[in-house]
C-alpha cells in the first residue's frame, strides 16, 4: 500500500475548483483557411500536400507525410479548404508537385505568428 502524504493531498485539485476567465472558451484549435491555386497548366497535373510535421535541413524541407492535413490535386480554378490545427501546430508546409518524371516540388511555408489564419498559396 502507498502512503499518501498531507502535501500530496493538499496538491490535489478537483476540476470543480478550477477557475477561468469568463471569456476563456477552452478551445485549443485554430482554423486555417487555405486557398490553393488553380493549376498553372492543362497538360501537366499538379498535386499538393500540406503538412504540420517538418524541418528544414540545408534549406530543404524534410516532411513527415503522415502529418499531412490536406492532399489534393490542383484544378482549373482556385479551391478553398479549412484546416483545423492544434495550438501546437504553429507552422505548416505546402509542397506542390508537378506530376511529371523528374519534377521537383515547389515548397512554401506558413507560420501563424507571421501570418493571419488565411493563407492564399501562390505559385
PDB file of N, CA and C in Angstrom:
ATOM      1  N   UNK A   1       0.827  -1.189   0.000  1.00  0.00           N
ATOM      2  CA  UNK A   1       0.000   0.000   0.000  1.00  0.00           C
ATOM      3  C   UNK A   1       0.870   1.251   0.000  1.00  0.00           C
ATOM      4  N   UNK A   2       0.352   2.255  -0.685  1.00  0.00           N
ATOM      5  CA  UNK A   2       1.069   3.520  -0.790  1.00  0.00           C
ATOM      6  C   UNK A   2       0.552   4.470   0.273  1.00  0.00           C
ATOM      7  N   UNK A   3       1.465   5.102   0.943  1.00  0.00           N
ATOM      8  CA  UNK A   3       1.111   6.096   1.951  1.00  0.00           C
ATOM      9  C   UNK A   3       1.054   7.454   1.263  1.00  0.00           C
ATOM     10  N   UNK A   4      -0.073   8.137   1.394  1.00  0.00           N
ATOM     11  CA  UNK A   4      -0.252   9.455   0.797  1.00  0.00           C
ATOM     12  C   UNK A   4       0.061  10.495   1.856  1.00  0.00           C
ATOM     13  N   UNK A   5       0.971  11.382   1.522  1.00  0.00           N
ATOM     14  CA  UNK A   5       1.352  12.422   2.479  1.00  0.00           C
ATOM     15  C   UNK A   5       0.352  13.562   2.448  1.00  0.00           C
ATOM     16  N   UNK A   6       0.388  14.372   3.499  1.00  0.00           N
ATOM     17  CA  UNK A   6      -0.502  15.528   3.566  1.00  0.00           C
ATOM     18  C   UNK A   6      -0.202  16.499   2.429  1.00  0.00           C
ATOM     19  N   UNK A   7       1.083  16.642   2.076  1.00  0.00           N
ATOM     20  CA  UNK A   7       1.470  17.550   0.988  1.00  0.00           C
ATOM     21  C   UNK A   7       0.859  17.086  -0.329  1.00  0.00           C
ATOM     22  N   UNK A   8       0.873  15.780  -0.615  1.00  0.00           N
ATOM     23  CA  UNK A   8       0.263  15.257  -1.840  1.00  0.00           C
ATOM     24  C   UNK A   8      -1.238  15.493  -1.837  1.00  0.00           C
ATOM     25  N   UNK A   9      -1.875  15.344  -0.685  1.00  0.00           N
ATOM     26  CA  UNK A   9      -3.313  15.553  -0.580  1.00  0.00           C
ATOM     27  C   UNK A   9      -3.654  17.014  -0.843  1.00  0.00           C
ATOM     28  N   UNK A  10      -2.875  17.928  -0.288  1.00  0.00           N
ATOM     29  CA  UNK A  10      -3.130  19.353  -0.482  1.00  0.00           C
ATOM     30  C   UNK A  10      -2.897  19.785  -1.927  1.00  0.00           C
ATOM     31  N   UNK A  11      -2.011  19.085  -2.651  1.00  0.00           N
ATOM     32  CA  UNK A  11      -1.711  19.453  -4.030  1.00  0.00           C
ATOM     33  C   UNK A  11      -2.803  19.011  -4.993  1.00  0.00           C
ATOM     34  N   UNK A  12      -3.661  18.099  -4.579  1.00  0.00           N
ATOM     35  CA  UNK A  12      -4.727  17.611  -5.446  1.00  0.00           C
ATOM     36  C   UNK A  12      -5.825  18.665  -5.546  1.00  0.00           C
ATOM     37  N   UNK A  13      -6.177  18.999  -6.777  1.00  0.00           N
ATOM     38  CA  UNK A  13      -7.222  19.997  -7.014  1.00  0.00           C
ATOM     39  C   UNK A  13      -8.323  19.330  -7.820  1.00  0.00           C
ATOM     40  N   UNK A  14      -9.535  19.485  -7.395  1.00  0.00           N
ATOM     41  CA  UNK A  14     -10.674  18.938  -8.130  1.00  0.00           C
ATOM     42  C   UNK A  14     -10.994  19.847  -9.307  1.00  0.00           C
ATOM     43  N   UNK A  15     -11.568  19.271 -10.344  1.00  0.00           N
ATOM     44  CA  UNK A  15     -11.936  20.054 -11.524  1.00  0.00           C
ATOM     45  C   UNK A  15     -12.895  21.179 -11.163  1.00  0.00           C
ATOM     46  N   UNK A  16     -13.755  20.929 -10.216  1.00  0.00           N
ATOM     47  CA  UNK A  16     -14.722  21.957  -9.817  1.00  0.00           C
ATOM     48  C   UNK A  16     -14.045  23.168  -9.177  1.00  0.00           C
ATOM     49  N   UNK A  17     -12.787  23.010  -8.783  1.00  0.00           N
ATOM     50  CA  UNK A  17     -12.057  24.113  -8.160  1.00  0.00           C
ATOM     51  C   UNK A  17     -11.318  24.989  -9.171  1.00  0.00           C
ATOM     52  N   UNK A  18     -11.259  24.563 -10.420  1.00  0.00           N
ATOM     53  CA  UNK A  18     -10.561  25.339 -11.440  1.00  0.00           C
ATOM     54  C   UNK A  18     -11.339  26.605 -11.753  1.00  0.00           C
ATOM     55  N   UNK A  19     -10.623  27.688 -11.904  1.00  0.00           N
ATOM     56  CA  UNK A  19     -11.251  28.978 -12.191  1.00  0.00           C
ATOM     57  C   UNK A  19     -10.642  29.524 -13.477  1.00  0.00           C
ATOM     58  N   UNK A  20     -11.491  30.022 -14.367  1.00  0.00           N
ATOM     59  CA  UNK A  20     -11.008  30.630 -15.611  1.00  0.00           C
ATOM     60  C   UNK A  20     -11.750  31.935 -15.839  1.00  0.00           C
ATOM     61  N   UNK A  21     -11.192  32.736 -16.729  1.00  0.00           N
ATOM     62  CA  UNK A  21     -11.852  33.982 -17.109  1.00  0.00           C
ATOM     63  C   UNK A  21     -13.151  33.651 -17.844  1.00  0.00           C
ATOM     64  N   UNK A  22     -14.132  34.513 -17.748  1.00  0.00           N
ATOM     65  CA  UNK A  22     -15.438  34.268 -18.362  1.00  0.00           C
ATOM     66  C   UNK A  22     -15.354  34.121 -19.878  1.00  0.00           C
ATOM     67  N   UNK A  23     -14.413  34.822 -20.527  1.00  0.00           N
ATOM     68  CA  UNK A  23     -14.321  34.760 -21.983  1.00  0.00           C
ATOM     69  C   UNK A  23     -13.400  33.643 -22.483  1.00  0.00           C
ATOM     70  N   UNK A  24     -12.825  32.838 -21.585  1.00  0.00           N
ATOM     71  CA  UNK A  24     -11.969  31.721 -21.993  1.00  0.00           C
ATOM     72  C   UNK A  24     -12.850  30.565 -22.434  1.00  0.00           C
ATOM     73  N   UNK A  25     -12.644  30.077 -23.675  1.00  0.00           N
ATOM     74  CA  UNK A  25     -13.561  29.083 -24.233  1.00  0.00           C
ATOM     75  C   UNK A  25     -13.006  27.660 -24.279  1.00  0.00           C
ATOM     76  N   UNK A  26     -11.809  27.425 -23.773  1.00  0.00           N
ATOM     77  CA  UNK A  26     -11.189  26.096 -23.710  1.00  0.00           C
ATOM     78  C   UNK A  26     -10.964  25.465 -25.078  1.00  0.00           C
ATOM     79  N   UNK A  27     -11.038  26.226 -26.139  1.00  0.00           N
ATOM     80  CA  UNK A  27     -10.794  25.698 -27.482  1.00  0.00           C
ATOM     81  C   UNK A  27      -9.298  25.757 -27.751  1.00  0.00           C
ATOM     82  N   UNK A  28      -8.737  24.622 -28.124  1.00  0.00           N
ATOM     83  CA  UNK A  28      -7.286  24.569 -28.338  1.00  0.00           C
ATOM     84  C   UNK A  28      -6.941  24.323 -29.800  1.00  0.00           C
ATOM     85  N   UNK A  29      -7.799  24.804 -30.676  1.00  0.00           N
ATOM     86  CA  UNK A  29      -7.528  24.668 -32.107  1.00  0.00           C
ATOM     87  C   UNK A  29      -7.696  26.017 -32.788  1.00  0.00           C
ATOM     88  N   UNK A  30      -7.121  26.105 -33.968  1.00  0.00           N
ATOM     89  CA  UNK A  30      -7.295  27.286 -34.807  1.00  0.00           C
ATOM     90  C   UNK A  30      -7.635  26.787 -36.209  1.00  0.00           C
ATOM     91  N   UNK A  31      -8.575  27.449 -36.855  1.00  0.00           N
ATOM     92  CA  UNK A  31      -8.931  27.092 -38.232  1.00  0.00           C
ATOM     93  C   UNK A  31      -8.123  27.945 -39.192  1.00  0.00           C
ATOM     94  N   UNK A  32      -7.458  27.279 -40.108  1.00  0.00           N
ATOM     95  CA  UNK A  32      -6.671  27.949 -41.139  1.00  0.00           C
ATOM     96  C   UNK A  32      -7.400  27.804 -42.468  1.00  0.00           C
ATOM     97  N   UNK A  33      -7.788  28.930 -43.051  1.00  0.00           N
ATOM     98  CA  UNK A  33      -8.393  28.908 -44.387  1.00  0.00           C
ATOM     99  C   UNK A  33      -7.273  28.926 -45.414  1.00  0.00           C
ATOM    100  N   UNK A  34      -7.283  27.936 -46.283  1.00  0.00           N
ATOM    101  CA  UNK A  34      -6.242  27.797 -47.298  1.00  0.00           C
ATOM    102  C   UNK A  34      -6.882  27.899 -48.674  1.00  0.00           C
ATOM    103  N   UNK A  35      -6.346  28.790 -49.489  1.00  0.00           N
ATOM    104  CA  UNK A  35      -6.776  28.882 -50.888  1.00  0.00           C
ATOM    105  C   UNK A  35      -5.640  28.311 -51.716  1.00  0.00           C
ATOM    106  N   UNK A  36      -5.915  27.182 -52.376  1.00  0.00           N
ATOM    107  CA  UNK A  36      -4.874  26.616 -53.229  1.00  0.00           C
ATOM    108  C   UNK A  36      -5.102  27.107 -54.651  1.00  0.00           C
ATOM    109  N   UNK A  37      -4.015  27.345 -55.362  1.00  0.00           N
ATOM    110  CA  UNK A  37      -4.123  27.984 -56.677  1.00  0.00           C
ATOM    111  C   UNK A  37      -4.698  27.051 -57.731  1.00  0.00           C
ATOM    112  N   UNK A  38      -5.107  27.656 -58.813  1.00  0.00           N
ATOM    113  CA  UNK A  38      -5.504  26.879 -59.987  1.00  0.00           C
ATOM    114  C   UNK A  38      -4.251  26.262 -60.592  1.00  0.00           C
ATOM    115  N   UNK A  39      -4.419  25.171 -61.261  1.00  0.00           N
ATOM    116  CA  UNK A  39      -3.291  24.516 -61.922  1.00  0.00           C
ATOM    117  C   UNK A  39      -2.705  25.454 -62.974  1.00  0.00           C
ATOM    118  N   UNK A  40      -1.380  25.622 -62.990  1.00  0.00           N
ATOM    119  CA  UNK A  40      -0.774  26.515 -63.981  1.00  0.00           C
ATOM    120  C   UNK A  40      -0.720  25.919 -65.382  1.00  0.00           C
ATOM    121  N   UNK A  41      -1.118  24.662 -65.525  1.00  0.00           N
ATOM    122  CA  UNK A  41      -1.030  24.007 -66.828  1.00  0.00           C
ATOM    123  C   UNK A  41      -2.191  23.036 -67.001  1.00  0.00           C
ATOM    124  N   UNK A  42      -2.685  22.949 -68.213  1.00  0.00           N
ATOM    125  CA  UNK A  42      -3.713  21.945 -68.501  1.00  0.00           C
ATOM    126  C   UNK A  42      -3.099  20.650 -69.009  1.00  0.00           C
ATOM    127  N   UNK A  43      -1.819  20.687 -69.363  1.00  0.00           N
ATOM    128  CA  UNK A  43      -1.170  19.481 -69.884  1.00  0.00           C
ATOM    129  C   UNK A  43      -0.404  18.703 -68.814  1.00  0.00           C
ATOM    130  N   UNK A  44      -0.115  19.340 -67.676  1.00  0.00           N
ATOM    131  CA  UNK A  44       0.591  18.677 -66.572  1.00  0.00           C
ATOM    132  C   UNK A  44      -0.295  18.746 -65.336  1.00  0.00           C
ATOM    133  N   UNK A  45      -0.469  17.617 -64.664  1.00  0.00           N
ATOM    134  CA  UNK A  45      -1.235  17.595 -63.425  1.00  0.00           C
ATOM    135  C   UNK A  45      -0.378  18.061 -62.255  1.00  0.00           C
ATOM    136  N   UNK A  46      -1.011  18.587 -61.219  1.00  0.00           N
ATOM    137  CA  UNK A  46      -0.309  19.049 -60.022  1.00  0.00           C
ATOM    138  C   UNK A  46      -1.008  18.497 -58.789  1.00  0.00           C
ATOM    139  N   UNK A  47      -0.208  18.183 -57.782  1.00  0.00           N
ATOM    140  CA  UNK A  47      -0.680  17.607 -56.532  1.00  0.00           C
ATOM    141  C   UNK A  47      -0.120  18.448 -55.392  1.00  0.00           C
ATOM    142  N   UNK A  48      -0.904  18.689 -54.343  1.00  0.00           N
ATOM    143  CA  UNK A  48      -0.435  19.477 -53.200  1.00  0.00           C
ATOM    144  C   UNK A  48      -0.576  18.680 -51.907  1.00  0.00           C
ATOM    145  N   UNK A  49       0.439  18.779 -51.071  1.00  0.00           N
ATOM    146  CA  UNK A  49       0.421  18.260 -49.700  1.00  0.00           C
ATOM    147  C   UNK A  49       0.571  19.454 -48.772  1.00  0.00           C
ATOM    148  N   UNK A  50      -0.207  19.505 -47.706  1.00  0.00           N
ATOM    149  CA  UNK A  50       0.004  20.490 -46.650  1.00  0.00           C
ATOM    150  C   UNK A  50       0.159  19.706 -45.352  1.00  0.00           C
ATOM    151  N   UNK A  51       1.336  19.847 -44.728  1.00  0.00           N
ATOM    152  CA  UNK A  51       1.697  19.012 -43.582  1.00  0.00           C
ATOM    153  C   UNK A  51       2.170  19.864 -42.404  1.00  0.00           C
ATOM    154  N   UNK A  52       2.088  19.282 -41.202  1.00  0.00           N
ATOM    155  CA  UNK A  52       2.439  20.020 -39.986  1.00  0.00           C
ATOM    156  C   UNK A  52       3.760  19.595 -39.356  1.00  0.00           C
ATOM    157  N   UNK A  53       4.241  18.403 -39.664  1.00  0.00           N
ATOM    158  CA  UNK A  53       5.478  17.905 -39.043  1.00  0.00           C
ATOM    159  C   UNK A  53       6.596  17.949 -40.073  1.00  0.00           C
ATOM    160  N   UNK A  54       7.475  18.942 -39.925  1.00  0.00           N
ATOM    161  CA  UNK A  54       8.547  19.112 -40.905  1.00  0.00           C
ATOM    162  C   UNK A  54       9.721  19.829 -40.257  1.00  0.00           C
ATOM    163  N   UNK A  55      10.840  19.769 -40.925  1.00  0.00           N
ATOM    164  CA  UNK A  55      12.017  20.535 -40.520  1.00  0.00           C
ATOM    165  C   UNK A  55      12.754  20.947 -41.782  1.00  0.00           C
ATOM    166  N   UNK A  56      13.623  21.934 -41.641  1.00  0.00           N
ATOM    167  CA  UNK A  56      14.463  22.363 -42.762  1.00  0.00           C
ATOM    168  C   UNK A  56      15.858  21.816 -42.539  1.00  0.00           C
ATOM    169  N   UNK A  57      16.368  21.105 -43.527  1.00  0.00           N
ATOM    170  CA  UNK A  57      17.724  20.574 -43.475  1.00  0.00           C
ATOM    171  C   UNK A  57      18.439  21.077 -44.720  1.00  0.00           C
ATOM    172  N   UNK A  58      19.465  21.918 -44.532  1.00  0.00           N
ATOM    173  CA  UNK A  58      20.193  22.525 -45.658  1.00  0.00           C
ATOM    174  C   UNK A  58      19.241  23.199 -46.642  1.00  0.00           C
ATOM    175  N   UNK A  59      18.312  23.998 -46.108  1.00  0.00           N
ATOM    176  CA  UNK A  59      17.309  24.730 -46.901  1.00  0.00           C
ATOM    177  C   UNK A  59      16.368  23.830 -47.688  1.00  0.00           C
ATOM    178  N   UNK A  60      16.288  22.557 -47.333  1.00  0.00           N
ATOM    179  CA  UNK A  60      15.328  21.643 -47.957  1.00  0.00           C
ATOM    180  C   UNK A  60      14.363  21.166 -46.888  1.00  0.00           C
ATOM    181  N   UNK A  61      13.119  20.989 -47.280  1.00  0.00           N
ATOM    182  CA  UNK A  61      12.109  20.524 -46.339  1.00  0.00           C
ATOM    183  C   UNK A  61      12.211  19.015 -46.160  1.00  0.00           C
ATOM    184  N   UNK A  62      12.259  18.602 -44.902  1.00  0.00           N
ATOM    185  CA  UNK A  62      12.171  17.186 -44.558  1.00  0.00           C
ATOM    186  C   UNK A  62      10.802  17.030 -43.906  1.00  0.00           C
ATOM    187  N   UNK A  63       9.899  16.310 -44.574  1.00  0.00           N
ATOM    188  CA  UNK A  63       8.491  16.286 -44.179  1.00  0.00           C
ATOM    189  C   UNK A  63       8.075  14.889 -43.742  1.00  0.00           C
ATOM    190  N   UNK A  64       7.331  14.835 -42.653  1.00  0.00           N
ATOM    191  CA  UNK A  64       6.666  13.604 -42.242  1.00  0.00           C
ATOM    192  C   UNK A  64       5.303  13.613 -42.941  1.00  0.00           C
ATOM    193  N   UNK A  65       5.182  12.847 -44.008  1.00  0.00           N
ATOM    194  CA  UNK A  65       3.956  12.879 -44.807  1.00  0.00           C
ATOM    195  C   UNK A  65       2.759  12.272 -44.080  1.00  0.00           C
ATOM    196  N   UNK A  66       2.991  11.592 -42.957  1.00  0.00           N
ATOM    197  CA  UNK A  66       1.872  11.113 -42.139  1.00  0.00           C
ATOM    198  C   UNK A  66       1.173  12.270 -41.429  1.00  0.00           C
ATOM    199  N   UNK A  67       1.807  13.444 -41.385  1.00  0.00           N
ATOM    200  CA  UNK A  67       1.226  14.603 -40.707  1.00  0.00           C
ATOM    201  C   UNK A  67       0.429  15.504 -41.650  1.00  0.00           C
ATOM    202  N   UNK A  68       0.216  15.075 -42.871  1.00  0.00           N
ATOM    203  CA  UNK A  68      -0.471  15.936 -43.847  1.00  0.00           C
ATOM    204  C   UNK A  68      -1.930  16.155 -43.458  1.00  0.00           C
ATOM    205  N   UNK A  69      -2.335  17.394 -43.475  1.00  0.00           N
ATOM    206  CA  UNK A  69      -3.716  17.786 -43.198  1.00  0.00           C
ATOM    207  C   UNK A  69      -4.538  17.866 -44.481  1.00  0.00           C
ATOM    208  N   UNK A  70      -3.840  17.993 -45.614  1.00  0.00           N
ATOM    209  CA  UNK A  70      -4.533  18.095 -46.900  1.00  0.00           C
ATOM    210  C   UNK A  70      -3.670  17.478 -47.979  1.00  0.00           C
ATOM    211  N   UNK A  71      -4.311  16.701 -48.833  1.00  0.00           N
ATOM    212  CA  UNK A  71      -3.701  16.164 -50.055  1.00  0.00           C
ATOM    213  C   UNK A  71      -4.754  16.324 -51.141  1.00  0.00           C
ATOM    214  N   UNK A  72      -4.397  17.040 -52.168  1.00  0.00           N
ATOM    215  CA  UNK A  72      -5.388  17.329 -53.206  1.00  0.00           C
ATOM    216  C   UNK A  72      -4.691  17.566 -54.537  1.00  0.00           C
ATOM    217  N   UNK A  73      -5.465  17.475 -55.598  1.00  0.00           N
ATOM    218  CA  UNK A  73      -4.959  17.844 -56.916  1.00  0.00           C
ATOM    219  C   UNK A  73      -5.410  19.273 -57.215  1.00  0.00           C
ATOM    220  N   UNK A  74      -4.595  19.975 -57.984  1.00  0.00           N
ATOM    221  CA  UNK A  74      -4.977  21.320 -58.413  1.00  0.00           C
ATOM    222  C   UNK A  74      -5.926  21.193 -59.593  1.00  0.00           C
ATOM    223  N   UNK A  75      -6.919  22.067 -59.636  1.00  0.00           N
ATOM    224  CA  UNK A  75      -7.910  22.068 -60.713  1.00  0.00           C
ATOM    225  C   UNK A  75      -7.773  23.340 -61.545  1.00  0.00           C
ATOM    226  N   UNK A  76      -8.709  23.572 -62.427  1.00  0.00           N
ATOM    227  CA  UNK A  76      -8.648  24.743 -63.299  1.00  0.00           C
ATOM    228  C   UNK A  76      -9.030  26.034 -62.579  1.00  0.00           C
ATOM    229  N   UNK A  77      -9.554  25.923 -61.363  1.00  0.00           N
ATOM    230  CA  UNK A  77      -9.866  27.124 -60.580  1.00  0.00           C
ATOM    231  C   UNK A  77      -9.350  26.950 -59.152  1.00  0.00           C
ATOM    232  N   UNK A  78      -9.248  28.061 -58.430  1.00  0.00           N
ATOM    233  CA  UNK A  78      -8.801  28.007 -57.038  1.00  0.00           C
ATOM    234  C   UNK A  78      -9.758  27.151 -56.211  1.00  0.00           C
ATOM    235  N   UNK A  79      -9.235  26.598 -55.117  1.00  0.00           N
ATOM    236  CA  UNK A  79     -10.056  25.818 -54.198  1.00  0.00           C
ATOM    237  C   UNK A  79      -9.828  26.329 -52.776  1.00  0.00           C
ATOM    238  N   UNK A  80     -10.887  26.354 -51.976  1.00  0.00           N
ATOM    239  CA  UNK A  80     -10.810  26.810 -50.592  1.00  0.00           C
ATOM    240  C   UNK A  80     -11.005  25.625 -49.655  1.00  0.00           C
ATOM    241  N   UNK A  81     -10.110  25.490 -48.680  1.00  0.00           N
ATOM    242  CA  UNK A  81     -10.195  24.449 -47.664  1.00  0.00           C
ATOM    243  C   UNK A  81     -10.028  25.099 -46.300  1.00  0.00           C
ATOM    244  N   UNK A  82     -10.624  24.512 -45.284  1.00  0.00           N
ATOM    245  CA  UNK A  82     -10.409  24.932 -43.907  1.00  0.00           C
ATOM    246  C   UNK A  82      -9.727  23.790 -43.176  1.00  0.00           C
ATOM    247  N   UNK A  83      -8.531  24.060 -42.650  1.00  0.00           N
ATOM    248  CA  UNK A  83      -7.764  23.064 -41.913  1.00  0.00           C
ATOM    249  C   UNK A  83      -7.835  23.389 -40.429  1.00  0.00           C
ATOM    250  N   UNK A  84      -8.117  22.394 -39.619  1.00  0.00           N
ATOM    251  CA  UNK A  84      -8.155  22.569 -38.177  1.00  0.00           C
ATOM    252  C   UNK A  84      -6.796  22.181 -37.604  1.00  0.00           C
ATOM    253  N   UNK A  85      -6.114  23.152 -37.010  1.00  0.00           N
ATOM    254  CA  UNK A  85      -4.786  22.933 -36.443  1.00  0.00           C
ATOM    255  C   UNK A  85      -4.853  23.030 -34.925  1.00  0.00           C
ATOM    256  N   UNK A  86      -4.050  22.236 -34.251  1.00  0.00           N
ATOM    257  CA  UNK A  86      -3.965  22.370 -32.794  1.00  0.00           C
ATOM    258  C   UNK A  86      -3.115  23.595 -32.472  1.00  0.00           C
ATOM    259  N   UNK A  87      -3.185  24.042 -31.244  1.00  0.00           N
ATOM    260  CA  UNK A  87      -2.379  25.201 -30.838  1.00  0.00           C
ATOM    261  C   UNK A  87      -0.892  24.915 -30.885  1.00  0.00           C
ATOM    262  N   UNK A  88      -0.512  23.655 -30.961  1.00  0.00           N
ATOM    263  CA  UNK A  88       0.900  23.297 -31.071  1.00  0.00           C
ATOM    264  C   UNK A  88       1.385  23.337 -32.513  1.00  0.00           C
ATOM    265  N   UNK A  89       0.465  23.316 -33.454  1.00  0.00           N
ATOM    266  CA  UNK A  89       0.825  23.331 -34.877  1.00  0.00           C
ATOM    267  C   UNK A  89       0.846  24.779 -35.358  1.00  0.00           C
ATOM    268  N   UNK A  90       1.947  25.455 -35.085  1.00  0.00           N
ATOM    269  CA  UNK A  90       2.061  26.880 -35.383  1.00  0.00           C
ATOM    270  C   UNK A  90       2.555  27.164 -36.787  1.00  0.00           C
ATOM    271  N   UNK A  91       3.008  26.121 -37.478  1.00  0.00           N
ATOM    272  CA  UNK A  91       3.531  26.293 -38.831  1.00  0.00           C
ATOM    273  C   UNK A  91       3.163  25.069 -39.655  1.00  0.00           C
ATOM    274  N   UNK A  92       2.998  25.285 -40.947  1.00  0.00           N
ATOM    275  CA  UNK A  92       2.747  24.186 -41.879  1.00  0.00           C
ATOM    276  C   UNK A  92       3.603  24.404 -43.121  1.00  0.00           C
ATOM    277  N   UNK A  93       3.736  23.345 -43.883  1.00  0.00           N
ATOM    278  CA  UNK A  93       4.476  23.420 -45.135  1.00  0.00           C
ATOM    279  C   UNK A  93       3.580  22.877 -46.246  1.00  0.00           C
ATOM    280  N   UNK A  94       3.626  23.539 -47.384  1.00  0.00           N
ATOM    281  CA  UNK A  94       2.912  23.055 -48.570  1.00  0.00           C
ATOM    282  C   UNK A  94       3.947  22.672 -49.616  1.00  0.00           C
ATOM    283  N   UNK A  95       3.726  21.552 -50.248  1.00  0.00           N
ATOM    284  CA  UNK A  95       4.549  21.157 -51.389  1.00  0.00           C
ATOM    285  C   UNK A  95       3.619  20.913 -52.563  1.00  0.00           C
ATOM    286  N   UNK A  96       3.920  21.594 -53.654  1.00  0.00           N
ATOM    287  CA  UNK A  96       3.143  21.416 -54.879  1.00  0.00           C
ATOM    288  C   UNK A  96       4.029  20.659 -55.856  1.00  0.00           C
ATOM    289  N   UNK A  97       3.555  19.490 -56.238  1.00  0.00           N
ATOM    290  CA  UNK A  97       4.318  18.592 -57.107  1.00  0.00           C
ATOM    291  C   UNK A  97       3.725  18.557 -58.505  1.00  0.00           C
ATOM    292  N   UNK A  98       4.502  18.875 -59.532  1.00  0.00           N
ATOM    293  CA  UNK A  98       4.061  18.590 -60.897  1.00  0.00           C
ATOM    294  C   UNK A  98       4.104  17.070 -61.077  1.00  0.00           C
ATOM    295  N   UNK A  99       3.101  16.518 -61.680  1.00  0.00           N
ATOM    296  CA  UNK A  99       3.070  15.074 -61.912  1.00  0.00           C
ATOM    297  C   UNK A  99       3.763  14.811 -63.242  1.00  0.00           C
ATOM    298  N   UNK A 100       5.093  14.797 -63.158  1.00  0.00           N
ATOM    299  CA  UNK A 100       5.935  14.582 -64.336  1.00  0.00           C
ATOM    300  C   UNK A 100       7.240  13.958 -63.868  1.00  0.00           C
ATOM    301  N   UNK A 101       7.818  13.130 -64.684  1.00  0.00           N
ATOM    302  CA  UNK A 101       9.052  12.446 -64.314  1.00  0.00           C
ATOM    303  C   UNK A 101      10.177  13.445 -64.056  1.00  0.00           C
ATOM    304  N   UNK A 102      10.856  13.271 -62.934  1.00  0.00           N
ATOM    305  CA  UNK A 102      11.988  14.125 -62.590  1.00  0.00           C
ATOM    306  C   UNK A 102      11.616  15.499 -62.059  1.00  0.00           C
ATOM    307  N   UNK A 103      10.333  15.765 -61.893  1.00  0.00           N
ATOM    308  CA  UNK A 103       9.891  17.088 -61.432  1.00  0.00           C
ATOM    309  C   UNK A 103      10.245  17.301 -59.962  1.00  0.00           C
ATOM    310  N   UNK A 104      10.524  18.531 -59.599  1.00  0.00           N
ATOM    311  CA  UNK A 104      10.815  18.912 -58.223  1.00  0.00           C
ATOM    312  C   UNK A 104       9.646  19.733 -57.674  1.00  0.00           C
ATOM    313  N   UNK A 105       9.349  19.589 -56.392  1.00  0.00           N
ATOM    314  CA  UNK A 105       8.212  20.325 -55.833  1.00  0.00           C
ATOM    315  C   UNK A 105       8.542  21.790 -55.565  1.00  0.00           C
ATOM    316  N   UNK A 106       7.499  22.599 -55.519  1.00  0.00           N
ATOM    317  CA  UNK A 106       7.585  23.967 -55.026  1.00  0.00           C
ATOM    318  C   UNK A 106       7.203  23.878 -53.551  1.00  0.00           C
ATOM    319  N   UNK A 107       8.054  24.386 -52.667  1.00  0.00           N
ATOM    320  CA  UNK A 107       7.815  24.293 -51.225  1.00  0.00           C
ATOM    321  C   UNK A 107       7.551  25.684 -50.672  1.00  0.00           C
ATOM    322  N   UNK A 108       6.447  25.812 -49.923  1.00  0.00           N
ATOM    323  CA  UNK A 108       6.027  27.100 -49.374  1.00  0.00           C
ATOM    324  C   UNK A 108       5.689  26.894 -47.895  1.00  0.00           C
ATOM    325  N   UNK A 109       6.103  27.841 -47.058  1.00  0.00           N
ATOM    326  CA  UNK A 109       5.894  27.730 -45.614  1.00  0.00           C
ATOM    327  C   UNK A 109       4.870  28.753 -45.134  1.00  0.00           C
ATOM    328  N   UNK A 110       4.120  28.389 -44.094  1.00  0.00           N
ATOM    329  CA  UNK A 110       3.177  29.295 -43.440  1.00  0.00           C
ATOM    330  C   UNK A 110       3.394  29.201 -41.941  1.00  0.00           C
ATOM    331  N   UNK A 111       3.350  30.359 -41.250  1.00  0.00           N
ATOM    332  CA  UNK A 111       3.544  30.410 -39.810  1.00  0.00           C
ATOM    333  C   UNK A 111       2.502  31.344 -39.212  1.00  0.00           C
ATOM    334  N   UNK A 112       1.782  30.882 -38.201  1.00  0.00           N
ATOM    335  CA  UNK A 112       0.686  31.672 -37.627  1.00  0.00           C
ATOM    336  C   UNK A 112       1.172  32.972 -36.988  1.00  0.00           C
ATOM    337  N   UNK A 113       2.388  32.994 -36.452  1.00  0.00           N
ATOM    338  CA  UNK A 113       2.874  34.217 -35.814  1.00  0.00           C
ATOM    339  C   UNK A 113       3.246  35.292 -36.826  1.00  0.00           C
ATOM    340  N   UNK A 114       3.498  34.902 -38.071  1.00  0.00           N
ATOM    341  CA  UNK A 114       3.868  35.864 -39.111  1.00  0.00           C
ATOM    342  C   UNK A 114       2.719  36.161 -40.070  1.00  0.00           C
ATOM    343  N   UNK A 115       1.679  35.337 -40.026  1.00  0.00           N
ATOM    344  CA  UNK A 115       0.581  35.453 -40.986  1.00  0.00           C
ATOM    345  C   UNK A 115      -0.749  35.419 -40.248  1.00  0.00           C
ATOM    346  N   UNK A 116      -1.797  35.635 -40.989  1.00  0.00           N
ATOM    347  CA  UNK A 116      -3.133  35.530 -40.411  1.00  0.00           C
ATOM    348  C   UNK A 116      -3.603  34.077 -40.505  1.00  0.00           C
ATOM    349  N   UNK A 117      -4.862  33.851 -40.241  1.00  0.00           N
ATOM    350  CA  UNK A 117      -5.415  32.497 -40.337  1.00  0.00           C
ATOM    351  C   UNK A 117      -6.002  32.238 -41.726  1.00  0.00           C
ATOM    352  N   UNK A 118      -5.557  33.003 -42.693  1.00  0.00           N
ATOM    353  CA  UNK A 118      -5.950  32.800 -44.095  1.00  0.00           C
ATOM    354  C   UNK A 118      -4.670  32.765 -44.920  1.00  0.00           C
ATOM    355  N   UNK A 119      -4.512  31.724 -45.717  1.00  0.00           N
ATOM    356  CA  UNK A 119      -3.292  31.527 -46.496  1.00  0.00           C
ATOM    357  C   UNK A 119      -3.667  31.351 -47.959  1.00  0.00           C
ATOM    358  N   UNK A 120      -3.281  32.319 -48.770  1.00  0.00           N
ATOM    359  CA  UNK A 120      -3.521  32.257 -50.209  1.00  0.00           C
ATOM    360  C   UNK A 120      -2.218  31.803 -50.862  1.00  0.00           C
ATOM    361  N   UNK A 121      -2.155  30.536 -51.225  1.00  0.00           N
ATOM    362  CA  UNK A 121      -0.933  29.964 -51.783  1.00  0.00           C
ATOM    363  C   UNK A 121      -0.812  30.369 -53.247  1.00  0.00           C
ATOM    364  N   UNK A 122       0.338  30.880 -53.607  1.00  0.00           N
ATOM    365  CA  UNK A 122       0.586  31.292 -54.993  1.00  0.00           C
ATOM    366  C   UNK A 122       1.819  30.574 -55.512  1.00  0.00           C
ATOM    367  N   UNK A 123       1.744  30.157 -56.768  1.00  0.00           N
ATOM    368  CA  UNK A 123       2.927  29.552 -57.405  1.00  0.00           C
ATOM    369  C   UNK A 123       3.215  30.275 -58.698  1.00  0.00           C
TER     370      UNK A 123
END
